[in-house]
Amino acid sequence: MRKLLVFVLIISGMMLNSCKKADVSGCQPATVASEKDAMVAFCTANNITYTQDPSGLLYQIILPGSDPAPTLSSNISVVYTGKLLNGTTFDATANPITLALSGVIDGWKIGIPLIKKGGRIKLVIPSALAYSCTGAGTSIPPNSPIYFDVTLTDVK
């Protein structure tokens, strides 16, 4: 019994230390509410007439496209431009690339199924639905809302 108690205490201590280490990391995700003003200002400055999803995603469907519609189990082919809200382009494709919709950021998982093959959508994504407090490499800083202009060229 004593060995079991010692084991439980060691495991509990390890869990407590791992929680403290996570807190010390300083990674504090921004709330969607704290980013909304900047996202709306970006939409206004860029003539994006947005609809707000309950998740906080802002989007404008430019072309709805036609069947088929993607699902989370779909592979999608897209052409896109991704920008920070200061206008800096961090990624763009000139030719379609194919991705598993299940493997992309949450903002895409929510936004891309709103259009169908041949459709085009503008997405203004809060950091919580993108790269959160970790960012992505040197091109997307932590807690950065981001913008994508996406054309869905194929659904498989």
C-alpha atoms as a PDB file:
ATOM      1  CA  MET A   1       0.000   0.000   0.000  1.00  0.00           C
ATOM      2  CA  ARG A   2       2.813   2.381   0.917  1.00  0.00           C
ATOM      3  CA  LYS A   3       4.496   1.827  -2.460  1.00  0.00           C
ATOM      4  CA  LEU A   4       1.233   2.706  -4.192  1.00  0.00           C
ATOM      5  CA  LEU A   5       0.909   5.910  -2.146  1.00  0.00           C
ATOM      6  CA  VAL A   6       4.504   6.933  -2.964  1.00  0.00           C
ATOM      7  CA  PHE A   7       3.856   6.230  -6.659  1.00  0.00           C
ATOM      8  CA  VAL A   8       0.686   8.372  -6.605  1.00  0.00           C
ATOM      9  CA  LEU A   9       2.566  11.220  -4.892  1.00  0.00           C
ATOM     10  CA  ILE A  10       5.414  11.061  -7.408  1.00  0.00           C
ATOM     11  CA  ILE A  11       3.004  11.077 -10.341  1.00  0.00           C
ATOM     12  CA  SER A  12       1.001  13.924  -8.766  1.00  0.00           C
ATOM     13  CA  GLY A  13       4.172  15.916  -8.225  1.00  0.00           C
ATOM     14  CA  MET A  14       5.290  15.323 -11.783  1.00  0.00           C
ATOM     15  CA  MET A  15       1.914  16.496 -13.046  1.00  0.00           C
ATOM     16  CA  LEU A  16       2.027  19.569 -10.826  1.00  0.00           C
ATOM     17  CA  ASN A  17       5.547  20.417 -12.022  1.00  0.00           C
ATOM     18  CA  SER A  18       4.547  19.983 -15.652  1.00  0.00           C
ATOM     19  CA  CYS A  19       1.619  22.345 -15.090  1.00  0.00           C
ATOM     20  CA  LYS A  20       3.917  24.909 -13.491  1.00  0.00           C
ATOM     21  CA  LYS A  21       6.364  24.592 -16.379  1.00  0.00           C
ATOM     22  CA  ALA A  22       3.541  25.192 -18.869  1.00  0.00           C
ATOM     23  CA  ASP A  23       2.473  28.310 -16.939  1.00  0.00           C
ATOM     24  CA  VAL A  24       6.070  29.587 -16.817  1.00  0.00           C
ATOM     25  CA  SER A  25       6.346  29.295 -20.610  1.00  0.00           C
ATOM     26  CA  GLY A  26       4.463  32.587 -20.924  1.00  0.00           C
ATOM     27  CA  CYS A  27       2.212  31.343 -23.709  1.00  0.00           C
ATOM     28  CA  GLN A  28      -1.016  33.222 -23.060  1.00  0.00           C
ATOM     29  CA  PRO A  29      -3.558  32.854 -25.886  1.00  0.00           C
ATOM     30  CA  ALA A  30      -5.392  36.046 -26.832  1.00  0.00           C
ATOM     31  CA  THR A  31      -9.168  36.000 -26.609  1.00  0.00           C
ATOM     32  CA  VAL A  32     -11.283  36.413 -29.702  1.00  0.00           C
ATOM     33  CA  ALA A  33     -12.936  39.430 -28.067  1.00  0.00           C
ATOM     34  CA  SER A  34      -9.574  41.155 -27.555  1.00  0.00           C
ATOM     35  CA  GLU A  35      -8.788  40.863 -31.289  1.00  0.00           C
ATOM     36  CA  LYS A  36     -12.196  41.743 -32.705  1.00  0.00           C
ATOM     37  CA  ASP A  37     -11.616  45.510 -33.049  1.00  0.00           C
ATOM     38  CA  ALA A  38      -8.450  44.942 -35.094  1.00  0.00           C
ATOM     39  CA  MET A  39     -10.212  42.345 -37.249  1.00  0.00           C
ATOM     40  CA  VAL A  40     -13.185  44.651 -37.921  1.00  0.00           C
ATOM     41  CA  ALA A  41     -10.813  47.548 -38.713  1.00  0.00           C
ATOM     42  CA  PHE A  42      -9.011  45.312 -41.230  1.00  0.00           C
ATOM     43  CA  CYS A  43     -12.337  44.402 -42.837  1.00  0.00           C
ATOM     44  CA  THR A  44     -13.362  48.054 -43.042  1.00  0.00           C
ATOM     45  CA  ALA A  45     -10.016  49.141 -44.523  1.00  0.00           C
ATOM     46  CA  ASN A  46     -10.146  46.345 -47.104  1.00  0.00           C
ATOM     47  CA  ASN A  47     -13.834  46.618 -48.078  1.00  0.00           C
ATOM     48  CA  ILE A  48     -14.688  43.212 -46.644  1.00  0.00           C
ATOM     49  CA  THR A  49     -18.409  43.006 -45.915  1.00  0.00           C
ATOM     50  CA  TYR A  50     -18.156  40.296 -43.308  1.00  0.00           C
ATOM     51  CA  THR A  51     -20.415  37.828 -41.589  1.00  0.00           C
ATOM     52  CA  GLN A  52     -19.366  36.692 -38.117  1.00  0.00           C
ATOM     53  CA  ASP A  53     -19.347  32.997 -37.313  1.00  0.00           C
ATOM     54  CA  PRO A  54     -20.112  32.111 -33.642  1.00  0.00           C
ATOM     55  CA  SER A  55     -16.437  31.063 -33.323  1.00  0.00           C
ATOM     56  CA  GLY A  56     -15.314  34.649 -33.968  1.00  0.00           C
ATOM     57  CA  LEU A  57     -14.231  33.999 -37.567  1.00  0.00           C
ATOM     58  CA  LEU A  58     -15.158  36.853 -39.928  1.00  0.00           C
ATOM     59  CA  TYR A  59     -15.788  35.889 -43.535  1.00  0.00           C
ATOM     60  CA  GLN A  60     -17.104  37.134 -46.843  1.00  0.00           C
ATOM     61  CA  ILE A  61     -18.188  34.703 -49.525  1.00  0.00           C
ATOM     62  CA  ILE A  62     -17.152  36.200 -52.863  1.00  0.00           C
ATOM     63  CA  LEU A  63     -18.318  33.237 -54.995  1.00  0.00           C
ATOM     64  CA  PRO A  64     -20.315  30.383 -53.466  1.00  0.00           C
ATOM     65  CA  GLY A  65     -19.140  27.814 -56.036  1.00  0.00           C
ATOM     66  CA  SER A  66     -21.087  24.698 -56.980  1.00  0.00           C
ATOM     67  CA  ASP A  67     -21.138  21.099 -55.806  1.00  0.00           C
ATOM     68  CA  PRO A  68     -19.369  19.360 -54.292  1.00  0.00           C
ATOM     69  CA  ALA A  69     -19.023  21.011 -50.912  1.00  0.00           C
ATOM     70  CA  PRO A  70     -16.016  20.002 -48.803  1.00  0.00           C
ATOM     71  CA  THR A  71     -16.286  18.179 -45.495  1.00  0.00           C
ATOM     72  CA  LEU A  72     -13.614  17.677 -42.862  1.00  0.00           C
ATOM     73  CA  SER A  73     -12.752  14.358 -44.509  1.00  0.00           C
ATOM     74  CA  SER A  74     -12.174  16.016 -47.917  1.00  0.00           C
ATOM     75  CA  ASN A  75      -8.925  16.744 -49.654  1.00  0.00           C
ATOM     76  CA  ILE A  76      -9.152  20.229 -51.087  1.00  0.00           C
ATOM     77  CA  SER A  77      -7.181  22.014 -53.781  1.00  0.00           C
ATOM     78  CA  VAL A  78      -6.824  25.738 -53.202  1.00  0.00           C
ATOM     79  CA  VAL A  79      -5.132  28.883 -54.388  1.00  0.00           C
ATOM     80  CA  TYR A  80      -4.702  31.405 -51.595  1.00  0.00           C
ATOM     81  CA  THR A  81      -2.972  34.449 -50.205  1.00  0.00           C
ATOM     82  CA  GLY A  82      -2.339  34.750 -46.475  1.00  0.00           C
ATOM     83  CA  LYS A  83      -1.604  38.077 -44.797  1.00  0.00           C
ATOM     84  CA  LEU A  84      -1.090  39.551 -41.386  1.00  0.00           C
ATOM     85  CA  LEU A  85      -3.538  42.322 -40.555  1.00  0.00           C
ATOM     86  CA  ASN A  86      -0.785  44.894 -41.232  1.00  0.00           C
ATOM     87  CA  GLY A  87      -0.913  43.789 -44.879  1.00  0.00           C
ATOM     88  CA  THR A  88       2.299  41.732 -44.873  1.00  0.00           C
ATOM     89  CA  THR A  89       1.921  38.629 -47.041  1.00  0.00           C
ATOM     90  CA  PHE A  90       3.243  35.566 -45.209  1.00  0.00           C
ATOM     91  CA  ASP A  91       2.247  32.934 -47.788  1.00  0.00           C
ATOM     92  CA  ALA A  92       0.673  32.684 -51.222  1.00  0.00           C
ATOM     93  CA  THR A  93       0.173  30.114 -53.950  1.00  0.00           C
ATOM     94  CA  ALA A  94      -0.066  30.820 -57.661  1.00  0.00           C
ATOM     95  CA  ASN A  95      -1.011  27.246 -58.544  1.00  0.00           C
ATOM     96  CA  PRO A  96      -3.454  24.993 -56.680  1.00  0.00           C
ATOM     97  CA  ILE A  97      -2.097  22.943 -53.802  1.00  0.00           C
ATOM     98  CA  THR A  98      -3.905  19.971 -52.298  1.00  0.00           C
ATOM     99  CA  LEU A  99      -4.442  19.694 -48.550  1.00  0.00           C
ATOM    100  CA  ALA A 100      -6.456  17.528 -46.200  1.00  0.00           C
ATOM    101  CA  LEU A 101      -9.096  19.836 -44.726  1.00  0.00           C
ATOM    102  CA  SER A 102      -8.748  17.915 -41.452  1.00  0.00           C
ATOM    103  CA  GLY A 103      -5.095  18.987 -41.235  1.00  0.00           C
ATOM    104  CA  VAL A 104      -5.414  22.766 -41.548  1.00  0.00           C
ATOM    105  CA  ILE A 105      -5.989  25.500 -38.973  1.00  0.00           C
ATOM    106  CA  ASP A 106      -9.401  25.710 -37.323  1.00  0.00           C
ATOM    107  CA  GLY A 107     -10.282  28.933 -39.156  1.00  0.00           C
ATOM    108  CA  TRP A 108     -10.073  27.035 -42.452  1.00  0.00           C
ATOM    109  CA  LYS A 109     -11.963  24.037 -41.043  1.00  0.00           C
ATOM    110  CA  ILE A 110     -14.822  26.427 -40.235  1.00  0.00           C
ATOM    111  CA  GLY A 111     -14.591  28.718 -43.276  1.00  0.00           C
ATOM    112  CA  ILE A 112     -13.768  26.524 -46.268  1.00  0.00           C
ATOM    113  CA  PRO A 113     -16.909  24.313 -45.934  1.00  0.00           C
ATOM    114  CA  LEU A 114     -18.975  27.502 -46.366  1.00  0.00           C
ATOM    115  CA  ILE A 115     -18.124  27.436 -50.090  1.00  0.00           C
ATOM    116  CA  LYS A 116     -18.138  24.761 -52.761  1.00  0.00           C
ATOM    117  CA  LYS A 117     -15.836  23.824 -55.635  1.00  0.00           C
ATOM    118  CA  GLY A 118     -15.001  26.947 -57.646  1.00  0.00           C
ATOM    119  CA  GLY A 119     -15.923  29.185 -54.711  1.00  0.00           C
ATOM    120  CA  ARG A 120     -13.921  32.013 -53.231  1.00  0.00           C
ATOM    121  CA  ILE A 121     -13.941  33.252 -49.634  1.00  0.00           C
ATOM    122  CA  LYS A 122     -12.163  35.901 -47.588  1.00  0.00           C
ATOM    123  CA  LEU A 123     -11.392  34.800 -44.029  1.00  0.00           C
ATOM    124  CA  VAL A 124     -10.293  37.023 -41.145  1.00  0.00           C
ATOM    125  CA  ILE A 125      -9.242  34.535 -38.510  1.00  0.00           C
ATOM    126  CA  PRO A 126      -8.674  35.252 -34.807  1.00  0.00           C
ATOM    127  CA  SER A 127      -5.392  33.860 -33.514  1.00  0.00           C
ATOM    128  CA  ALA A 128      -7.254  31.316 -31.368  1.00  0.00           C
ATOM    129  CA  LEU A 129      -8.414  29.663 -34.628  1.00  0.00           C
ATOM    130  CA  ALA A 130      -5.005  30.002 -36.274  1.00  0.00           C
ATOM    131  CA  TYR A 131      -1.599  29.785 -34.597  1.00  0.00           C
ATOM    132  CA  SER A 132      -2.556  31.033 -31.113  1.00  0.00           C
ATOM    133  CA  CYS A 133       0.173  32.149 -28.714  1.00  0.00           C
ATOM    134  CA  THR A 134       2.885  30.121 -30.446  1.00  0.00           C
ATOM    135  CA  GLY A 135       2.763  31.797 -33.864  1.00  0.00           C
ATOM    136  CA  ALA A 136       4.235  30.079 -36.917  1.00  0.00           C
ATOM    137  CA  GLY A 137       7.946  30.380 -37.506  1.00  0.00           C
ATOM    138  CA  THR A 138       9.201  33.902 -38.071  1.00  0.00           C
ATOM    139  CA  SER A 139       6.408  34.886 -40.447  1.00  0.00           C
ATOM    140  CA  ILE A 140       3.404  34.802 -38.082  1.00  0.00           C
ATOM    141  CA  PRO A 141       3.985  36.285 -34.616  1.00  0.00           C
ATOM    142  CA  PRO A 142       2.223  34.860 -31.558  1.00  0.00           C
ATOM    143  CA  ASN A 143      -1.394  35.963 -31.034  1.00  0.00           C
ATOM    144  CA  SER A 144      -1.771  37.290 -34.583  1.00  0.00           C
ATOM    145  CA  PRO A 145      -5.153  37.343 -36.270  1.00  0.00           C
ATOM    146  CA  ILE A 146      -4.630  36.542 -39.943  1.00  0.00           C
ATOM    147  CA  TYR A 147      -6.373  37.011 -43.289  1.00  0.00           C
ATOM    148  CA  PHE A 148      -6.777  34.588 -46.179  1.00  0.00           C
ATOM    149  CA  ASP A 149      -8.271  35.013 -49.623  1.00  0.00           C
ATOM    150  CA  VAL A 150      -9.003  31.431 -50.732  1.00  0.00           C
ATOM    151  CA  THR A 151     -10.288  29.993 -54.002  1.00  0.00           C
ATOM    152  CA  LEU A 152     -11.411  26.375 -53.727  1.00  0.00           C
ATOM    153  CA  THR A 153     -10.388  24.825 -57.049  1.00  0.00           C
ATOM    154  CA  ASP A 154     -11.280  21.195 -56.297  1.00  0.00           C
ATOM    155  CA  VAL A 155     -12.829  18.910 -53.681  1.00  0.00           C
ATOM    156  CA  LYS A 156     -11.873  15.225 -53.507  1.00  0.00           C
END
